[in-house]
Amino acid sequence: MLQFLDHLKLDIFDLDNLDILLIGVNKSEIENDELRQLSFISNSIEGFLIRTIPRRFWCRISSNTLQHNFSFEFLGNAIFHLYHQKFGNLIKAMEIFFINTYTDSIGHFKEISSEITAQFAKKWKAKIEEWKKRVDCEYAWACQICPYRENCYYVKEVLIKREELGK
C-alpha cells in the first residue's frame, strides 16, 4: 500500500505537512454520528494525536516517537488498518495522502476542500428551503410516516421563532 513512502522518515524539522484521508463508505449502513467519529480512531496510534476545529486540523507526533524512526509509511499503514478494523464492513475505498513541503499542493487541496464545503452547504440550504415550504403542510397523515419528522418539527419551531422575531 505505502511502499513508495518507506524511505521518507520524519524528523523534528520537517513537520509541515498536509495529511489527507479519503474514505468511501456505504452511507446507507452508517449514521452521521459514526462518520464524525472516524477522525478519532487515529488517536489510538501511540505517539500520534489529532485535533480538529471547524476548518482546521492538526496532528502532533511526540518527540520520543520521532526519535524511534517514525515514518509516513508506518503512520499510513496504522491508520489504514485501524479504520478497516473498526469500519471494515462499511468502507468501500480508502486513500491516504501525505504532502510535505509542497505549499502549492497544499493550497490546491485547500481550494478543493473549500469547493466541497460550498457544495455541502448548498445541499443543506436546498434541504432547508424544502422544509420551509412544508411549514404549512396540511398532510398530517404523511408526517406520521416521514423519516424526517423530528427534524421537520425542529425546523418548524425555528422558522416560527424567526417569523415572530421579524414582526
N, C-alpha and C. Protein backbone atom coordinates (compact mmCIF):
# COMPACT_ATOMS: atom_id res chain seq x y z
N MET A 1 0.82 -1.20 0.00
CA MET A 1 0.00 0.00 0.00
C MET A 1 0.86 1.26 0.00
N LEU A 2 1.78 1.39 0.94
CA LEU A 2 2.58 2.62 1.03
C LEU A 2 4.07 2.36 0.79
N GLN A 3 4.40 1.39 -0.07
CA GLN A 3 5.79 1.05 -0.29
C GLN A 3 6.62 2.23 -0.76
N PHE A 4 6.05 3.09 -1.56
CA PHE A 4 6.81 4.21 -2.12
C PHE A 4 7.20 5.23 -1.05
N LEU A 5 6.65 5.13 0.15
CA LEU A 5 6.98 6.07 1.21
C LEU A 5 7.97 5.50 2.21
N ASP A 6 8.46 4.28 2.00
CA ASP A 6 9.27 3.65 3.04
C ASP A 6 10.58 4.38 3.32
N HIS A 7 11.06 5.16 2.40
CA HIS A 7 12.31 5.89 2.62
C HIS A 7 12.09 7.25 3.28
N LEU A 8 10.85 7.69 3.42
CA LEU A 8 10.56 9.01 3.99
C LEU A 8 10.45 8.92 5.50
N LYS A 9 11.49 9.29 6.19
CA LYS A 9 11.47 9.31 7.65
C LYS A 9 11.20 10.73 8.11
N LEU A 10 10.42 10.84 9.16
CA LEU A 10 10.12 12.16 9.71
C LEU A 10 11.24 12.61 10.62
N ASP A 11 11.54 13.88 10.60
CA ASP A 11 12.40 14.43 11.64
C ASP A 11 11.76 15.70 12.17
N ILE A 12 12.27 16.18 13.29
CA ILE A 12 11.65 17.28 14.01
C ILE A 12 11.55 18.54 13.16
N PHE A 13 12.45 18.74 12.21
CA PHE A 13 12.45 19.97 11.42
C PHE A 13 11.64 19.86 10.12
N ASP A 14 11.03 18.74 9.89
CA ASP A 14 10.33 18.51 8.63
C ASP A 14 8.87 18.14 8.89
N LEU A 15 8.20 18.92 9.72
CA LEU A 15 6.86 18.53 10.14
C LEU A 15 5.73 19.29 9.48
N ASP A 16 6.01 20.27 8.62
CA ASP A 16 4.92 20.95 7.93
C ASP A 16 4.41 20.02 6.84
N ASN A 17 3.21 19.51 7.04
CA ASN A 17 2.68 18.62 6.02
C ASN A 17 1.17 18.68 6.00
N LEU A 18 0.61 18.11 4.98
CA LEU A 18 -0.83 18.00 4.84
C LEU A 18 -1.15 16.52 4.78
N ASP A 19 -1.98 16.07 5.69
CA ASP A 19 -2.41 14.67 5.71
C ASP A 19 -3.84 14.63 5.21
N ILE A 20 -4.11 13.81 4.25
CA ILE A 20 -5.45 13.71 3.70
C ILE A 20 -5.88 12.26 3.75
N LEU A 21 -7.03 12.02 4.34
CA LEU A 21 -7.59 10.68 4.42
C LEU A 21 -8.95 10.71 3.75
N LEU A 22 -9.08 10.01 2.66
CA LEU A 22 -10.35 9.94 1.93
C LEU A 22 -10.93 8.55 2.12
N ILE A 23 -12.16 8.49 2.60
CA ILE A 23 -12.80 7.21 2.84
C ILE A 23 -14.15 7.19 2.13
N GLY A 24 -14.36 6.19 1.31
CA GLY A 24 -15.66 5.98 0.68
C GLY A 24 -16.41 4.95 1.49
N VAL A 25 -17.60 5.28 1.95
CA VAL A 25 -18.36 4.35 2.79
C VAL A 25 -19.71 4.03 2.16
N ASN A 26 -20.28 2.92 2.61
CA ASN A 26 -21.64 2.56 2.26
C ASN A 26 -22.54 3.38 3.16
N LYS A 27 -22.94 4.55 2.71
CA LYS A 27 -23.67 5.54 3.53
C LYS A 27 -24.94 4.98 4.13
N SER A 28 -25.62 4.10 3.42
CA SER A 28 -26.89 3.60 3.92
C SER A 28 -26.71 2.80 5.21
N GLU A 29 -25.51 2.31 5.46
CA GLU A 29 -25.29 1.46 6.63
C GLU A 29 -24.67 2.20 7.80
N ILE A 30 -24.40 3.48 7.67
CA ILE A 30 -23.70 4.19 8.73
C ILE A 30 -24.42 5.49 9.06
N GLU A 31 -24.47 5.79 10.34
CA GLU A 31 -25.09 7.03 10.80
C GLU A 31 -24.10 8.18 10.70
N ASN A 32 -24.59 9.40 10.58
CA ASN A 32 -23.72 10.57 10.50
C ASN A 32 -22.84 10.70 11.74
N ASP A 33 -23.38 10.37 12.92
CA ASP A 33 -22.58 10.46 14.15
C ASP A 33 -21.38 9.52 14.08
N GLU A 34 -21.57 8.34 13.51
CA GLU A 34 -20.46 7.40 13.37
C GLU A 34 -19.41 7.96 12.42
N LEU A 35 -19.85 8.61 11.34
CA LEU A 35 -18.91 9.22 10.40
C LEU A 35 -18.05 10.27 11.09
N ARG A 36 -18.65 11.04 11.98
CA ARG A 36 -17.89 12.07 12.70
C ARG A 36 -16.83 11.45 13.60
N GLN A 37 -17.06 10.23 14.07
CA GLN A 37 -16.12 9.57 14.96
C GLN A 37 -14.89 9.02 14.21
N LEU A 38 -14.96 8.97 12.89
CA LEU A 38 -13.84 8.43 12.12
C LEU A 38 -12.53 9.14 12.43
N SER A 39 -12.59 10.44 12.68
CA SER A 39 -11.35 11.19 12.90
C SER A 39 -10.68 10.86 14.23
N PHE A 40 -11.40 10.23 15.14
CA PHE A 40 -10.82 9.94 16.45
C PHE A 40 -10.07 8.62 16.50
N ILE A 41 -10.26 7.76 15.53
CA ILE A 41 -9.60 6.45 15.54
C ILE A 41 -8.09 6.60 15.53
N SER A 42 -7.58 7.56 14.77
CA SER A 42 -6.13 7.74 14.66
C SER A 42 -5.47 8.06 15.99
N ASN A 43 -6.24 8.53 16.96
CA ASN A 43 -5.67 8.85 18.26
C ASN A 43 -5.19 7.62 19.01
N SER A 44 -5.55 6.43 18.55
CA SER A 44 -5.09 5.23 19.24
C SER A 44 -3.71 4.78 18.77
N ILE A 45 -3.07 5.55 17.90
CA ILE A 45 -1.70 5.27 17.48
C ILE A 45 -0.77 5.91 18.50
N GLU A 46 0.07 5.11 19.09
CA GLU A 46 0.95 5.61 20.15
C GLU A 46 1.86 6.73 19.63
N GLY A 47 1.87 7.85 20.34
CA GLY A 47 2.72 8.98 19.99
C GLY A 47 2.14 9.89 18.93
N PHE A 48 0.93 9.61 18.49
CA PHE A 48 0.28 10.39 17.43
C PHE A 48 -1.06 10.89 17.94
N LEU A 49 -1.33 12.17 17.73
CA LEU A 49 -2.55 12.78 18.24
C LEU A 49 -3.14 13.71 17.19
N ILE A 50 -4.46 13.65 17.02
CA ILE A 50 -5.15 14.52 16.07
C ILE A 50 -6.08 15.44 16.84
N ARG A 51 -6.13 16.69 16.43
CA ARG A 51 -7.08 17.66 16.98
C ARG A 51 -7.73 18.39 15.82
N THR A 52 -9.01 18.69 15.96
CA THR A 52 -9.72 19.41 14.91
C THR A 52 -10.64 20.47 15.51
N ILE A 53 -10.79 21.53 14.77
CA ILE A 53 -11.82 22.52 15.00
C ILE A 53 -12.35 22.83 13.60
N PRO A 54 -13.51 23.46 13.47
CA PRO A 54 -14.03 23.71 12.13
C PRO A 54 -13.00 24.39 11.22
N ARG A 55 -12.79 23.78 10.05
CA ARG A 55 -11.87 24.27 9.00
C ARG A 55 -10.41 24.22 9.41
N ARG A 56 -10.08 23.56 10.52
CA ARG A 56 -8.68 23.41 10.94
C ARG A 56 -8.46 21.99 11.45
N PHE A 57 -7.31 21.46 11.13
CA PHE A 57 -6.95 20.11 11.54
C PHE A 57 -5.46 20.13 11.81
N TRP A 58 -5.03 19.53 12.86
CA TRP A 58 -3.60 19.40 13.08
C TRP A 58 -3.32 18.12 13.83
N CYS A 59 -2.10 17.65 13.70
CA CYS A 59 -1.70 16.45 14.42
C CYS A 59 -0.36 16.71 15.09
N ARG A 60 -0.13 15.94 16.14
CA ARG A 60 1.13 16.05 16.87
C ARG A 60 1.77 14.68 16.93
N ILE A 61 3.06 14.67 16.78
CA ILE A 61 3.82 13.44 16.91
C ILE A 61 4.83 13.69 18.01
N SER A 62 4.84 12.83 19.01
CA SER A 62 5.74 13.06 20.15
C SER A 62 7.19 12.95 19.71
N SER A 63 8.07 13.73 20.37
CA SER A 63 9.50 13.69 20.02
C SER A 63 10.08 12.31 20.26
N ASN A 64 9.59 11.64 21.28
CA ASN A 64 10.07 10.28 21.57
C ASN A 64 9.75 9.35 20.40
N THR A 65 8.56 9.48 19.85
CA THR A 65 8.16 8.66 18.71
C THR A 65 9.02 9.01 17.49
N LEU A 66 9.29 10.28 17.28
CA LEU A 66 10.13 10.70 16.15
C LEU A 66 11.54 10.13 16.26
N GLN A 67 12.05 10.04 17.46
CA GLN A 67 13.40 9.52 17.67
C GLN A 67 13.49 8.02 17.39
N HIS A 68 12.35 7.36 17.33
CA HIS A 68 12.34 5.92 17.05
C HIS A 68 11.96 5.64 15.59
N ASN A 69 12.42 6.50 14.69
CA ASN A 69 12.24 6.33 13.24
C ASN A 69 10.78 6.21 12.81
N PHE A 70 9.95 7.02 13.38
CA PHE A 70 8.54 7.10 12.97
C PHE A 70 8.51 7.54 11.51
N SER A 71 7.76 6.87 10.66
CA SER A 71 7.74 7.21 9.23
C SER A 71 6.31 7.42 8.74
N PHE A 72 6.19 8.05 7.58
CA PHE A 72 4.87 8.20 6.95
C PHE A 72 4.31 6.83 6.60
N GLU A 73 5.18 5.92 6.22
CA GLU A 73 4.72 4.57 5.89
C GLU A 73 4.06 3.93 7.11
N PHE A 74 4.71 4.01 8.27
CA PHE A 74 4.14 3.44 9.49
C PHE A 74 2.81 4.11 9.82
N LEU A 75 2.78 5.43 9.76
CA LEU A 75 1.57 6.17 10.08
C LEU A 75 0.43 5.80 9.13
N GLY A 76 0.70 5.79 7.84
CA GLY A 76 -0.33 5.44 6.86
C GLY A 76 -0.87 4.04 7.05
N ASN A 77 0.04 3.07 7.25
CA ASN A 77 -0.40 1.69 7.47
C ASN A 77 -1.20 1.55 8.75
N ALA A 78 -0.78 2.23 9.81
CA ALA A 78 -1.50 2.16 11.09
C ALA A 78 -2.91 2.73 10.94
N ILE A 79 -3.02 3.88 10.30
CA ILE A 79 -4.34 4.50 10.09
C ILE A 79 -5.21 3.58 9.24
N PHE A 80 -4.64 3.06 8.16
CA PHE A 80 -5.37 2.17 7.26
C PHE A 80 -5.93 0.96 8.01
N HIS A 81 -5.09 0.30 8.78
CA HIS A 81 -5.52 -0.91 9.49
C HIS A 81 -6.52 -0.61 10.60
N LEU A 82 -6.34 0.49 11.32
CA LEU A 82 -7.29 0.84 12.39
C LEU A 82 -8.68 1.12 11.83
N TYR A 83 -8.75 1.84 10.73
CA TYR A 83 -10.05 2.15 10.14
C TYR A 83 -10.72 0.89 9.60
N HIS A 84 -9.92 0.03 8.97
CA HIS A 84 -10.51 -1.22 8.46
C HIS A 84 -10.93 -2.14 9.60
N GLN A 85 -10.20 -2.11 10.69
CA GLN A 85 -10.56 -2.94 11.85
C GLN A 85 -11.91 -2.50 12.43
N LYS A 86 -12.12 -1.19 12.55
CA LYS A 86 -13.35 -0.69 13.17
C LYS A 86 -14.52 -0.60 12.19
N PHE A 87 -14.26 -0.20 10.95
CA PHE A 87 -15.33 0.04 9.98
C PHE A 87 -15.16 -0.76 8.69
N GLY A 88 -14.47 -1.88 8.75
CA GLY A 88 -14.16 -2.65 7.55
C GLY A 88 -15.35 -2.99 6.68
N ASN A 89 -16.48 -3.33 7.31
CA ASN A 89 -17.65 -3.70 6.53
C ASN A 89 -18.33 -2.50 5.87
N LEU A 90 -17.99 -1.29 6.30
CA LEU A 90 -18.60 -0.09 5.74
C LEU A 90 -17.74 0.58 4.68
N ILE A 91 -16.44 0.35 4.74
CA ILE A 91 -15.50 1.06 3.86
C ILE A 91 -15.47 0.41 2.48
N LYS A 92 -15.75 1.22 1.46
CA LYS A 92 -15.66 0.74 0.08
C LYS A 92 -14.27 1.02 -0.49
N ALA A 93 -13.69 2.16 -0.12
CA ALA A 93 -12.38 2.55 -0.65
C ALA A 93 -11.72 3.51 0.33
N MET A 94 -10.39 3.51 0.34
CA MET A 94 -9.66 4.41 1.22
C MET A 94 -8.35 4.82 0.56
N GLU A 95 -8.04 6.09 0.64
CA GLU A 95 -6.77 6.63 0.15
C GLU A 95 -6.20 7.53 1.22
N ILE A 96 -4.90 7.44 1.44
CA ILE A 96 -4.22 8.30 2.40
C ILE A 96 -3.10 9.01 1.66
N PHE A 97 -3.07 10.34 1.78
CA PHE A 97 -2.04 11.15 1.13
C PHE A 97 -1.27 11.91 2.20
N PHE A 98 0.03 12.00 2.03
CA PHE A 98 0.86 12.87 2.86
C PHE A 98 1.59 13.80 1.91
N ILE A 99 1.34 15.08 2.04
CA ILE A 99 2.01 16.07 1.20
C ILE A 99 2.90 16.88 2.12
N ASN A 100 4.18 16.90 1.83
CA ASN A 100 5.12 17.55 2.72
C ASN A 100 5.92 18.59 1.94
N THR A 101 5.91 19.80 2.42
CA THR A 101 6.70 20.94 1.93
C THR A 101 6.33 21.43 0.53
N TYR A 102 5.25 20.96 -0.05
CA TYR A 102 4.81 21.46 -1.34
C TYR A 102 3.63 22.39 -1.09
N THR A 103 3.93 23.65 -0.80
CA THR A 103 2.87 24.59 -0.42
C THR A 103 1.86 24.80 -1.54
N ASP A 104 2.28 24.70 -2.80
CA ASP A 104 1.32 24.85 -3.89
C ASP A 104 0.31 23.71 -3.90
N SER A 105 0.76 22.49 -3.57
CA SER A 105 -0.16 21.35 -3.48
C SER A 105 -1.12 21.52 -2.32
N ILE A 106 -0.60 21.99 -1.20
CA ILE A 106 -1.45 22.22 -0.04
C ILE A 106 -2.50 23.28 -0.37
N GLY A 107 -2.09 24.34 -1.05
CA GLY A 107 -3.04 25.37 -1.47
C GLY A 107 -4.10 24.82 -2.40
N HIS A 108 -3.69 23.92 -3.31
CA HIS A 108 -4.64 23.30 -4.24
C HIS A 108 -5.68 22.47 -3.47
N PHE A 109 -5.24 21.71 -2.48
CA PHE A 109 -6.18 20.92 -1.70
C PHE A 109 -7.09 21.79 -0.85
N LYS A 110 -6.60 22.95 -0.42
CA LYS A 110 -7.47 23.88 0.31
C LYS A 110 -8.58 24.39 -0.60
N GLU A 111 -8.24 24.68 -1.85
CA GLU A 111 -9.26 25.12 -2.82
C GLU A 111 -10.31 24.03 -3.02
N ILE A 112 -9.85 22.81 -3.19
CA ILE A 112 -10.78 21.70 -3.41
C ILE A 112 -11.68 21.51 -2.20
N SER A 113 -11.10 21.57 -1.00
CA SER A 113 -11.92 21.38 0.21
C SER A 113 -12.92 22.52 0.37
N SER A 114 -12.55 23.73 -0.04
CA SER A 114 -13.49 24.85 0.02
C SER A 114 -14.66 24.63 -0.94
N GLU A 115 -14.36 24.09 -2.12
CA GLU A 115 -15.42 23.78 -3.09
C GLU A 115 -16.36 22.71 -2.54
N ILE A 116 -15.79 21.69 -1.93
CA ILE A 116 -16.61 20.62 -1.35
C ILE A 116 -17.48 21.17 -0.24
N THR A 117 -16.91 22.01 0.62
CA THR A 117 -17.68 22.61 1.71
C THR A 117 -18.82 23.46 1.15
N ALA A 118 -18.54 24.22 0.09
CA ALA A 118 -19.58 25.06 -0.52
C ALA A 118 -20.70 24.20 -1.10
N GLN A 119 -20.35 23.09 -1.75
CA GLN A 119 -21.36 22.19 -2.30
C GLN A 119 -22.21 21.58 -1.19
N PHE A 120 -21.56 21.19 -0.11
CA PHE A 120 -22.27 20.61 1.04
C PHE A 120 -23.24 21.64 1.63
N ALA A 121 -22.78 22.88 1.79
CA ALA A 121 -23.63 23.95 2.32
C ALA A 121 -24.81 24.21 1.39
N LYS A 122 -24.56 24.16 0.09
CA LYS A 122 -25.62 24.39 -0.90
C LYS A 122 -26.70 23.31 -0.78
N LYS A 123 -26.29 22.06 -0.59
CA LYS A 123 -27.26 20.97 -0.43
C LYS A 123 -28.11 21.17 0.81
N TRP A 124 -27.45 21.56 1.94
CA TRP A 124 -28.20 21.78 3.17
C TRP A 124 -29.16 22.95 3.03
N LYS A 125 -28.72 23.99 2.34
CA LYS A 125 -29.59 25.15 2.13
C LYS A 125 -30.83 24.75 1.33
N ALA A 126 -30.63 23.92 0.31
CA ALA A 126 -31.76 23.44 -0.50
C ALA A 126 -32.70 22.59 0.34
N LYS A 127 -32.13 21.76 1.21
CA LYS A 127 -32.97 20.92 2.07
C LYS A 127 -33.79 21.78 3.03
N ILE A 128 -33.19 22.82 3.57
CA ILE A 128 -33.90 23.72 4.49
C ILE A 128 -34.99 24.47 3.74
N GLU A 129 -34.70 24.88 2.49
CA GLU A 129 -35.72 25.55 1.68
C GLU A 129 -36.92 24.63 1.45
N GLU A 130 -36.65 23.35 1.23
CA GLU A 130 -37.74 22.39 1.07
C GLU A 130 -38.55 22.29 2.36
N TRP A 131 -37.86 22.26 3.49
CA TRP A 131 -38.56 22.20 4.79
C TRP A 131 -39.40 23.46 5.01
N LYS A 132 -38.86 24.61 4.59
CA LYS A 132 -39.61 25.87 4.74
C LYS A 132 -40.93 25.80 3.99
N LYS A 133 -40.91 25.19 2.82
CA LYS A 133 -42.13 25.06 2.03
C LYS A 133 -43.17 24.19 2.74
N ARG A 134 -42.70 23.30 3.59
CA ARG A 134 -43.60 22.36 4.24
C ARG A 134 -44.05 22.82 5.62
N VAL A 135 -43.68 24.03 6.04
CA VAL A 135 -44.08 24.52 7.36
C VAL A 135 -45.59 24.51 7.50
N ASP A 136 -46.28 24.88 6.44
CA ASP A 136 -47.75 24.91 6.48
C ASP A 136 -48.35 23.62 5.91
N CYS A 137 -47.62 22.56 5.99
CA CYS A 137 -48.07 21.27 5.44
C CYS A 137 -49.39 20.85 6.09
N GLU A 138 -50.34 20.48 5.27
CA GLU A 138 -51.66 20.09 5.78
C GLU A 138 -51.86 18.58 5.75
N TYR A 139 -50.85 17.86 5.36
CA TYR A 139 -50.98 16.41 5.27
C TYR A 139 -50.46 15.75 6.54
N ALA A 140 -51.22 15.83 7.61
CA ALA A 140 -50.79 15.30 8.90
C ALA A 140 -50.52 13.80 8.82
N TRP A 141 -51.29 13.10 8.00
CA TRP A 141 -51.09 11.65 7.90
C TRP A 141 -49.71 11.31 7.35
N ALA A 142 -49.14 12.16 6.48
CA ALA A 142 -47.83 11.90 5.90
C ALA A 142 -46.72 12.09 6.93
N CYS A 143 -46.92 12.99 7.88
CA CYS A 143 -45.91 13.24 8.91
C CYS A 143 -45.69 12.00 9.78
N GLN A 144 -46.71 11.21 9.97
CA GLN A 144 -46.60 10.04 10.83
C GLN A 144 -45.60 9.02 10.29
N ILE A 145 -45.43 8.98 8.99
CA ILE A 145 -44.51 8.01 8.40
C ILE A 145 -43.24 8.66 7.86
N CYS A 146 -43.14 9.97 7.98
CA CYS A 146 -41.99 10.70 7.44
C CYS A 146 -40.73 10.41 8.26
N PRO A 147 -39.63 9.99 7.62
CA PRO A 147 -38.40 9.71 8.36
C PRO A 147 -37.72 10.98 8.90
N TYR A 148 -38.12 12.15 8.40
CA TYR A 148 -37.53 13.41 8.86
C TYR A 148 -38.44 14.16 9.82
N ARG A 149 -39.43 13.47 10.35
CA ARG A 149 -40.45 14.12 11.18
C ARG A 149 -39.83 14.93 12.32
N GLU A 150 -38.90 14.33 13.05
CA GLU A 150 -38.28 15.03 14.19
C GLU A 150 -37.54 16.28 13.73
N ASN A 151 -36.76 16.16 12.67
CA ASN A 151 -36.04 17.31 12.12
C ASN A 151 -37.00 18.37 11.61
N CYS A 152 -38.05 17.93 10.98
CA CYS A 152 -39.04 18.85 10.43
C CYS A 152 -39.68 19.68 11.54
N TYR A 153 -40.05 19.03 12.64
CA TYR A 153 -40.64 19.76 13.76
C TYR A 153 -39.66 20.78 14.32
N TYR A 154 -38.40 20.39 14.41
CA TYR A 154 -37.38 21.31 14.93
C TYR A 154 -37.25 22.52 14.00
N VAL A 155 -37.18 22.27 12.70
CA VAL A 155 -37.06 23.36 11.73
C VAL A 155 -38.30 24.25 11.79
N LYS A 156 -39.47 23.65 11.93
CA LYS A 156 -40.71 24.44 12.04
C LYS A 156 -40.64 25.37 13.25
N GLU A 157 -40.16 24.84 14.38
CA GLU A 157 -40.05 25.68 15.58
C GLU A 157 -39.11 26.85 15.34
N VAL A 158 -37.98 26.58 14.72
CA VAL A 158 -37.00 27.64 14.42
C VAL A 158 -37.61 28.68 13.49
N LEU A 159 -38.29 28.23 12.45
CA LEU A 159 -38.90 29.16 11.49
C LEU A 159 -40.00 30.01 12.14
N ILE A 160 -40.79 29.40 13.00
CA ILE A 160 -41.84 30.15 13.70
C ILE A 160 -41.22 31.22 14.58
N LYS A 161 -40.16 30.86 15.31
CA LYS A 161 -39.47 31.84 16.17
C LYS A 161 -38.87 32.96 15.33
N ARG A 162 -38.30 32.62 14.18
CA ARG A 162 -37.73 33.65 13.29
C ARG A 162 -38.81 34.61 12.81
N GLU A 163 -39.96 34.05 12.45
CA GLU A 163 -41.07 34.89 12.00
C GLU A 163 -41.53 35.82 13.11
N GLU A 164 -41.59 35.30 14.35
CA GLU A 164 -42.00 36.11 15.49
C GLU A 164 -41.01 37.25 15.73
N LEU A 165 -39.72 36.95 15.61
CA LEU A 165 -38.69 37.98 15.80
C LEU A 165 -38.73 39.03 14.70
N GLY A 166 -39.13 38.61 13.50
CA GLY A 166 -39.18 39.52 12.37
C GLY A 166 -40.36 40.47 12.40
N LYS A 167 -41.37 40.16 13.19
CA LYS A 167 -42.58 41.01 13.25
C LYS A 167 -42.40 42.22 14.09
